[in-house]
């Protein structure tokens, strides 16, 4: 049965963030690098038991100019940047091969927070990529061995057969890796931290990288 209330009205009635108890963002107390602030925020997201705070929305642009976005798992944050992994033959890698510029977004409504990254992506070394693949659970490695990512699939049974074969291979050889599995790092030139408040305008703090140092700027809400 169709809901008689127009969708526009139902959407406007939805709450975006908790009504109270949101954390603060104090620009004057912000650390020197966005990496430090991100790690603090991630710790707080984990402590708050938010669902999947490590999900990163990665946006890339293909050679045809079309923008593609997808959710993936953040692997690590280091001074080099924000790490993720994928097949070098997949859609993400094809986009990055033609245009290394990318954007990443984290959205944590439970804390009223959003983080936006803008920068370039580079592939890690084969050794780093292999280590990332072998650190995955066996079933995840089996899924990574199944080829043809994002290609048309004839049936679920076809995938299940390929996955079962890959799982047998991983079980027989725990050192088996997908030859095109690649770790990537998004090195940002700009990182914006967005914090909602209980009873006022949200706070936006932008880190930009100029030369060898980061600078911070407050943005209008």
C-alpha atoms as a PDB file:
ATOM      1  CA  UNK A   1       0.000   0.000   0.000  1.00  0.00           C
ATOM      2  CA  UNK A   2       1.357   3.407  -0.978  1.00  0.00           C
ATOM      3  CA  UNK A   3       1.999   5.824   1.877  1.00  0.00           C
ATOM      4  CA  UNK A   4      -0.506   8.697   1.511  1.00  0.00           C
ATOM      5  CA  UNK A   5       1.970  11.239   2.896  1.00  0.00           C
ATOM      6  CA  UNK A   6       4.086  12.707   0.083  1.00  0.00           C
ATOM      7  CA  UNK A   7       7.705  11.593   0.127  1.00  0.00           C
ATOM      8  CA  UNK A   8       8.905  15.193   0.273  1.00  0.00           C
ATOM      9  CA  UNK A   9       7.056  15.697   3.569  1.00  0.00           C
ATOM     10  CA  UNK A  10       8.301  12.418   5.045  1.00  0.00           C
ATOM     11  CA  UNK A  11      11.885  13.279   4.153  1.00  0.00           C
ATOM     12  CA  UNK A  12      11.640  16.699   5.755  1.00  0.00           C
ATOM     13  CA  UNK A  13      10.353  15.098   8.966  1.00  0.00           C
ATOM     14  CA  UNK A  14      13.332  12.773   9.342  1.00  0.00           C
ATOM     15  CA  UNK A  15      15.959  13.545  11.978  1.00  0.00           C
ATOM     16  CA  UNK A  16      19.511  13.767  10.659  1.00  0.00           C
ATOM     17  CA  UNK A  17      21.442  13.835  13.933  1.00  0.00           C
ATOM     18  CA  UNK A  18      20.738  13.156  17.615  1.00  0.00           C
ATOM     19  CA  UNK A  19      18.716  15.909  19.240  1.00  0.00           C
ATOM     20  CA  UNK A  20      21.351  16.579  21.883  1.00  0.00           C
ATOM     21  CA  UNK A  21      24.701  15.478  23.224  1.00  0.00           C
ATOM     22  CA  UNK A  22      26.738  16.064  20.062  1.00  0.00           C
ATOM     23  CA  UNK A  23      30.500  16.502  20.544  1.00  0.00           C
ATOM     24  CA  UNK A  24      32.273  19.792  19.889  1.00  0.00           C
ATOM     25  CA  UNK A  25      34.881  20.859  17.378  1.00  0.00           C
ATOM     26  CA  UNK A  26      37.168  23.516  18.828  1.00  0.00           C
ATOM     27  CA  UNK A  27      39.197  25.002  15.939  1.00  0.00           C
ATOM     28  CA  UNK A  28      41.664  26.679  18.283  1.00  0.00           C
ATOM     29  CA  UNK A  29      42.539  23.294  19.801  1.00  0.00           C
ATOM     30  CA  UNK A  30      42.845  21.451  16.479  1.00  0.00           C
ATOM     31  CA  UNK A  31      46.097  19.519  15.958  1.00  0.00           C
ATOM     32  CA  UNK A  32      48.666  20.484  13.338  1.00  0.00           C
ATOM     33  CA  UNK A  33      47.632  17.858  10.793  1.00  0.00           C
ATOM     34  CA  UNK A  34      44.306  16.456   9.622  1.00  0.00           C
ATOM     35  CA  UNK A  35      45.677  12.963  10.157  1.00  0.00           C
ATOM     36  CA  UNK A  36      45.842  13.558  13.925  1.00  0.00           C
ATOM     37  CA  UNK A  37      42.328  14.973  14.114  1.00  0.00           C
ATOM     38  CA  UNK A  38      40.947  12.159  11.976  1.00  0.00           C
ATOM     39  CA  UNK A  39      42.492   9.513  14.229  1.00  0.00           C
ATOM     40  CA  UNK A  40      40.980  11.221  17.284  1.00  0.00           C
ATOM     41  CA  UNK A  41      37.587  11.326  15.624  1.00  0.00           C
ATOM     42  CA  UNK A  42      37.881   7.700  14.520  1.00  0.00           C
ATOM     43  CA  UNK A  43      38.700   6.642  18.079  1.00  0.00           C
ATOM     44  CA  UNK A  44      35.621   8.497  19.291  1.00  0.00           C
ATOM     45  CA  UNK A  45      33.475   6.910  16.581  1.00  0.00           C
ATOM     46  CA  UNK A  46      34.681   3.437  17.569  1.00  0.00           C
ATOM     47  CA  UNK A  47      34.162   4.173  21.278  1.00  0.00           C
ATOM     48  CA  UNK A  48      30.630   5.374  20.482  1.00  0.00           C
ATOM     49  CA  UNK A  49      30.040   2.030  18.723  1.00  0.00           C
ATOM     50  CA  UNK A  50      28.947   3.686  15.484  1.00  0.00           C
ATOM     51  CA  UNK A  51      28.093   1.242  12.735  1.00  0.00           C
ATOM     52  CA  UNK A  52      30.894   0.927  10.152  1.00  0.00           C
ATOM     53  CA  UNK A  53      32.791   4.176  10.833  1.00  0.00           C
ATOM     54  CA  UNK A  54      35.557   2.828   8.584  1.00  0.00           C
ATOM     55  CA  UNK A  55      33.381   2.988   5.470  1.00  0.00           C
ATOM     56  CA  UNK A  56      34.818   5.478   2.994  1.00  0.00           C
ATOM     57  CA  UNK A  57      32.814   6.796   0.042  1.00  0.00           C
ATOM     58  CA  UNK A  58      35.397   7.118  -2.729  1.00  0.00           C
ATOM     59  CA  UNK A  59      34.528   9.280  -5.736  1.00  0.00           C
ATOM     60  CA  UNK A  60      36.533   9.036  -8.950  1.00  0.00           C
ATOM     61  CA  UNK A  61      36.204  10.288 -12.522  1.00  0.00           C
ATOM     62  CA  UNK A  62      36.522   8.095 -15.598  1.00  0.00           C
ATOM     63  CA  UNK A  63      38.178   8.952 -18.878  1.00  0.00           C
ATOM     64  CA  UNK A  64      34.749   9.904 -20.223  1.00  0.00           C
ATOM     65  CA  UNK A  65      34.257  12.476 -17.469  1.00  0.00           C
ATOM     66  CA  UNK A  66      31.587  10.491 -15.622  1.00  0.00           C
ATOM     67  CA  UNK A  67      31.843  10.545 -11.836  1.00  0.00           C
ATOM     68  CA  UNK A  68      31.607   7.239  -9.968  1.00  0.00           C
ATOM     69  CA  UNK A  69      31.198   6.746  -6.222  1.00  0.00           C
ATOM     70  CA  UNK A  70      31.202   3.625  -4.098  1.00  0.00           C
ATOM     71  CA  UNK A  71      31.556   2.577  -0.472  1.00  0.00           C
ATOM     72  CA  UNK A  72      34.722   0.732   0.518  1.00  0.00           C
ATOM     73  CA  UNK A  73      36.688  -0.089   3.645  1.00  0.00           C
ATOM     74  CA  UNK A  74      39.416   2.153   5.025  1.00  0.00           C
ATOM     75  CA  UNK A  75      42.531   0.075   5.733  1.00  0.00           C
ATOM     76  CA  UNK A  76      44.795   2.528   7.539  1.00  0.00           C
ATOM     77  CA  UNK A  77      45.803   6.154   7.962  1.00  0.00           C
ATOM     78  CA  UNK A  78      49.486   7.064   7.844  1.00  0.00           C
ATOM     79  CA  UNK A  79      51.439  10.255   7.148  1.00  0.00           C
ATOM     80  CA  UNK A  80      51.176   9.272   3.462  1.00  0.00           C
ATOM     81  CA  UNK A  81      47.383   9.347   3.539  1.00  0.00           C
ATOM     82  CA  UNK A  82      44.233   7.236   3.729  1.00  0.00           C
ATOM     83  CA  UNK A  83      44.590   3.622   2.528  1.00  0.00           C
ATOM     84  CA  UNK A  84      42.207   1.276   0.716  1.00  0.00           C
ATOM     85  CA  UNK A  85      42.595  -1.668  -1.655  1.00  0.00           C
ATOM     86  CA  UNK A  86      41.066  -3.015  -4.845  1.00  0.00           C
ATOM     87  CA  UNK A  87      41.837  -4.890  -8.025  1.00  0.00           C
ATOM     88  CA  UNK A  88      44.077  -3.043 -10.463  1.00  0.00           C
ATOM     89  CA  UNK A  89      41.739  -4.273 -13.215  1.00  0.00           C
ATOM     90  CA  UNK A  90      38.529  -3.028 -11.574  1.00  0.00           C
ATOM     91  CA  UNK A  91      36.466   0.101 -12.254  1.00  0.00           C
ATOM     92  CA  UNK A  92      38.129   2.147  -9.501  1.00  0.00           C
ATOM     93  CA  UNK A  93      41.594   1.426 -10.838  1.00  0.00           C
ATOM     94  CA  UNK A  94      40.555   2.213 -14.396  1.00  0.00           C
ATOM     95  CA  UNK A  95      39.237   5.597 -13.291  1.00  0.00           C
ATOM     96  CA  UNK A  96      42.386   6.325 -11.293  1.00  0.00           C
ATOM     97  CA  UNK A  97      44.575   5.246 -14.193  1.00  0.00           C
ATOM     98  CA  UNK A  98      43.079   7.991 -16.350  1.00  0.00           C
ATOM     99  CA  UNK A  99      42.676  10.557 -13.553  1.00  0.00           C
ATOM    100  CA  UNK A 100      44.424  10.082 -10.184  1.00  0.00           C
ATOM    101  CA  UNK A 101      42.408  12.866  -8.558  1.00  0.00           C
ATOM    102  CA  UNK A 102      39.765  11.570  -6.166  1.00  0.00           C
ATOM    103  CA  UNK A 103      37.589  12.550  -3.212  1.00  0.00           C
ATOM    104  CA  UNK A 104      36.656  10.610  -0.104  1.00  0.00           C
ATOM    105  CA  UNK A 105      33.809  11.128   2.357  1.00  0.00           C
ATOM    106  CA  UNK A 106      33.057   9.760   5.812  1.00  0.00           C
ATOM    107  CA  UNK A 107      29.618  10.421   7.318  1.00  0.00           C
ATOM    108  CA  UNK A 108      28.919   9.649  10.966  1.00  0.00           C
ATOM    109  CA  UNK A 109      25.381  10.867  11.772  1.00  0.00           C
ATOM    110  CA  UNK A 110      25.528   9.426  15.281  1.00  0.00           C
ATOM    111  CA  UNK A 111      28.124  12.069  16.144  1.00  0.00           C
ATOM    112  CA  UNK A 112      26.925  14.718  13.703  1.00  0.00           C
ATOM    113  CA  UNK A 113      30.179  14.503  11.775  1.00  0.00           C
ATOM    114  CA  UNK A 114      31.367  14.466   8.190  1.00  0.00           C
ATOM    115  CA  UNK A 115      34.924  14.385   6.847  1.00  0.00           C
ATOM    116  CA  UNK A 116      35.811  15.212   3.249  1.00  0.00           C
ATOM    117  CA  UNK A 117      39.144  14.393   1.601  1.00  0.00           C
ATOM    118  CA  UNK A 118      40.376  15.767  -1.726  1.00  0.00           C
ATOM    119  CA  UNK A 119      43.650  14.709  -3.302  1.00  0.00           C
ATOM    120  CA  UNK A 120      45.400  12.184  -5.510  1.00  0.00           C
ATOM    121  CA  UNK A 121      45.645   8.398  -5.352  1.00  0.00           C
ATOM    122  CA  UNK A 122      48.735   6.280  -5.961  1.00  0.00           C
ATOM    123  CA  UNK A 123      49.304   2.535  -5.927  1.00  0.00           C
ATOM    124  CA  UNK A 124      51.440   0.975  -3.215  1.00  0.00           C
ATOM    125  CA  UNK A 125      54.324  -1.405  -3.807  1.00  0.00           C
ATOM    126  CA  UNK A 126      53.632  -5.034  -4.768  1.00  0.00           C
ATOM    127  CA  UNK A 127      54.909  -6.081  -1.341  1.00  0.00           C
ATOM    128  CA  UNK A 128      52.456  -3.788   0.448  1.00  0.00           C
ATOM    129  CA  UNK A 129      49.625  -4.982  -1.762  1.00  0.00           C
ATOM    130  CA  UNK A 130      50.441  -8.630  -1.130  1.00  0.00           C
ATOM    131  CA  UNK A 131      50.606  -8.028   2.632  1.00  0.00           C
ATOM    132  CA  UNK A 132      47.203  -6.331   2.534  1.00  0.00           C
ATOM    133  CA  UNK A 133      45.648  -9.248   0.672  1.00  0.00           C
ATOM    134  CA  UNK A 134      47.105 -11.882   3.006  1.00  0.00           C
ATOM    135  CA  UNK A 135      45.834  -9.963   6.056  1.00  0.00           C
ATOM    136  CA  UNK A 136      42.245 -10.541   4.898  1.00  0.00           C
ATOM    137  CA  UNK A 137      40.180 -13.446   6.320  1.00  0.00           C
ATOM    138  CA  UNK A 138      40.103 -16.596   4.188  1.00  0.00           C
ATOM    139  CA  UNK A 139      36.584 -15.975   2.865  1.00  0.00           C
ATOM    140  CA  UNK A 140      37.485 -12.415   1.982  1.00  0.00           C
ATOM    141  CA  UNK A 141      40.606 -13.610   0.153  1.00  0.00           C
ATOM    142  CA  UNK A 142      38.472 -16.098  -1.763  1.00  0.00           C
ATOM    143  CA  UNK A 143      36.129 -13.300  -2.823  1.00  0.00           C
ATOM    144  CA  UNK A 144      39.168 -11.295  -3.902  1.00  0.00           C
ATOM    145  CA  UNK A 145      40.344 -14.140  -6.099  1.00  0.00           C
ATOM    146  CA  UNK A 146      37.087 -14.289  -8.043  1.00  0.00           C
ATOM    147  CA  UNK A 147      37.716 -12.277 -11.197  1.00  0.00           C
ATOM    148  CA  UNK A 148      35.416 -10.228 -13.462  1.00  0.00           C
ATOM    149  CA  UNK A 149      34.534  -7.580 -10.882  1.00  0.00           C
ATOM    150  CA  UNK A 150      31.557  -5.470 -12.041  1.00  0.00           C
ATOM    151  CA  UNK A 151      31.176  -7.481 -15.254  1.00  0.00           C
ATOM    152  CA  UNK A 152      27.733  -8.889 -16.186  1.00  0.00           C
ATOM    153  CA  UNK A 153      26.873 -12.039 -14.195  1.00  0.00           C
ATOM    154  CA  UNK A 154      24.771 -14.798 -15.702  1.00  0.00           C
ATOM    155  CA  UNK A 155      23.428 -16.129 -12.406  1.00  0.00           C
ATOM    156  CA  UNK A 156      24.099 -16.273  -8.678  1.00  0.00           C
ATOM    157  CA  UNK A 157      24.941 -19.967  -9.113  1.00  0.00           C
ATOM    158  CA  UNK A 158      27.734 -19.004 -11.497  1.00  0.00           C
ATOM    159  CA  UNK A 159      29.304 -16.773  -8.866  1.00  0.00           C
ATOM    160  CA  UNK A 160      28.814 -19.336  -6.095  1.00  0.00           C
ATOM    161  CA  UNK A 161      30.679 -21.929  -8.132  1.00  0.00           C
ATOM    162  CA  UNK A 162      33.568 -19.554  -8.790  1.00  0.00           C
ATOM    163  CA  UNK A 163      33.672 -18.521  -5.140  1.00  0.00           C
ATOM    164  CA  UNK A 164      33.648 -22.139  -3.928  1.00  0.00           C
ATOM    165  CA  UNK A 165      36.563 -22.949  -6.229  1.00  0.00           C
ATOM    166  CA  UNK A 166      38.482 -19.902  -4.971  1.00  0.00           C
ATOM    167  CA  UNK A 167      37.822 -20.820  -1.338  1.00  0.00           C
ATOM    168  CA  UNK A 168      39.185 -24.326  -1.955  1.00  0.00           C
ATOM    169  CA  UNK A 169      42.291 -22.767  -3.501  1.00  0.00           C
ATOM    170  CA  UNK A 170      42.820 -20.421  -0.537  1.00  0.00           C
ATOM    171  CA  UNK A 171      42.343 -23.286   1.917  1.00  0.00           C
ATOM    172  CA  UNK A 172      44.901 -25.395   0.061  1.00  0.00           C
ATOM    173  CA  UNK A 173      47.409 -22.541  -0.194  1.00  0.00           C
ATOM    174  CA  UNK A 174      47.125 -19.832   2.522  1.00  0.00           C
ATOM    175  CA  UNK A 175      49.818 -17.777   0.737  1.00  0.00           C
ATOM    176  CA  UNK A 176      47.814 -17.528  -2.474  1.00  0.00           C
ATOM    177  CA  UNK A 177      47.192 -13.938  -3.566  1.00  0.00           C
ATOM    178  CA  UNK A 178      45.225 -12.265  -6.343  1.00  0.00           C
ATOM    179  CA  UNK A 179      47.873 -11.086  -8.824  1.00  0.00           C
ATOM    180  CA  UNK A 180      46.133  -7.770  -9.487  1.00  0.00           C
ATOM    181  CA  UNK A 181      45.236  -6.960  -5.879  1.00  0.00           C
ATOM    182  CA  UNK A 182      46.558  -3.480  -5.146  1.00  0.00           C
ATOM    183  CA  UNK A 183      46.747  -1.266  -2.106  1.00  0.00           C
ATOM    184  CA  UNK A 184      46.160   2.424  -2.779  1.00  0.00           C
ATOM    185  CA  UNK A 185      46.742   5.571  -0.783  1.00  0.00           C
ATOM    186  CA  UNK A 186      44.718   8.765  -1.104  1.00  0.00           C
ATOM    187  CA  UNK A 187      47.080  11.630  -0.300  1.00  0.00           C
ATOM    188  CA  UNK A 188      44.938  14.676   0.385  1.00  0.00           C
ATOM    189  CA  UNK A 189      45.660  18.288  -0.410  1.00  0.00           C
ATOM    190  CA  UNK A 190      42.547  19.328   1.501  1.00  0.00           C
ATOM    191  CA  UNK A 191      40.603  17.772   4.380  1.00  0.00           C
ATOM    192  CA  UNK A 192      37.432  19.295   5.805  1.00  0.00           C
ATOM    193  CA  UNK A 193      35.995  18.393   9.210  1.00  0.00           C
ATOM    194  CA  UNK A 194      32.290  19.157   9.607  1.00  0.00           C
ATOM    195  CA  UNK A 195      30.637  19.121  13.023  1.00  0.00           C
ATOM    196  CA  UNK A 196      26.928  19.608  13.697  1.00  0.00           C
ATOM    197  CA  UNK A 197      25.884  21.269  16.951  1.00  0.00           C
ATOM    198  CA  UNK A 198      22.944  20.833  19.301  1.00  0.00           C
ATOM    199  CA  UNK A 199      21.453  24.275  18.916  1.00  0.00           C
ATOM    200  CA  UNK A 200      23.407  26.340  16.405  1.00  0.00           C
ATOM    201  CA  UNK A 201      25.186  26.385  13.047  1.00  0.00           C
ATOM    202  CA  UNK A 202      27.596  23.607  12.295  1.00  0.00           C
ATOM    203  CA  UNK A 203      31.362  24.134  12.423  1.00  0.00           C
ATOM    204  CA  UNK A 204      33.556  23.588   9.367  1.00  0.00           C
ATOM    205  CA  UNK A 205      37.337  23.394   9.677  1.00  0.00           C
ATOM    206  CA  UNK A 206      39.391  23.072   6.485  1.00  0.00           C
ATOM    207  CA  UNK A 207      42.969  21.814   6.386  1.00  0.00           C
ATOM    208  CA  UNK A 208      44.917  22.656   3.215  1.00  0.00           C
ATOM    209  CA  UNK A 209      48.418  21.556   2.350  1.00  0.00           C
ATOM    210  CA  UNK A 210      50.779  24.229   1.067  1.00  0.00           C
ATOM    211  CA  UNK A 211      54.387  23.256   0.549  1.00  0.00           C
ATOM    212  CA  UNK A 212      55.442  21.205   3.547  1.00  0.00           C
ATOM    213  CA  UNK A 213      52.891  22.341   6.118  1.00  0.00           C
ATOM    214  CA  UNK A 214      49.155  22.236   6.762  1.00  0.00           C
ATOM    215  CA  UNK A 215      47.132  25.380   7.348  1.00  0.00           C
ATOM    216  CA  UNK A 216      43.631  25.585   8.843  1.00  0.00           C
ATOM    217  CA  UNK A 217      40.749  27.834   7.861  1.00  0.00           C
ATOM    218  CA  UNK A 218      37.269  28.204   9.307  1.00  0.00           C
ATOM    219  CA  UNK A 219      34.514  28.064   6.699  1.00  0.00           C
ATOM    220  CA  UNK A 220      31.087  29.617   6.774  1.00  0.00           C
ATOM    221  CA  UNK A 221      28.382  27.021   7.523  1.00  0.00           C
END
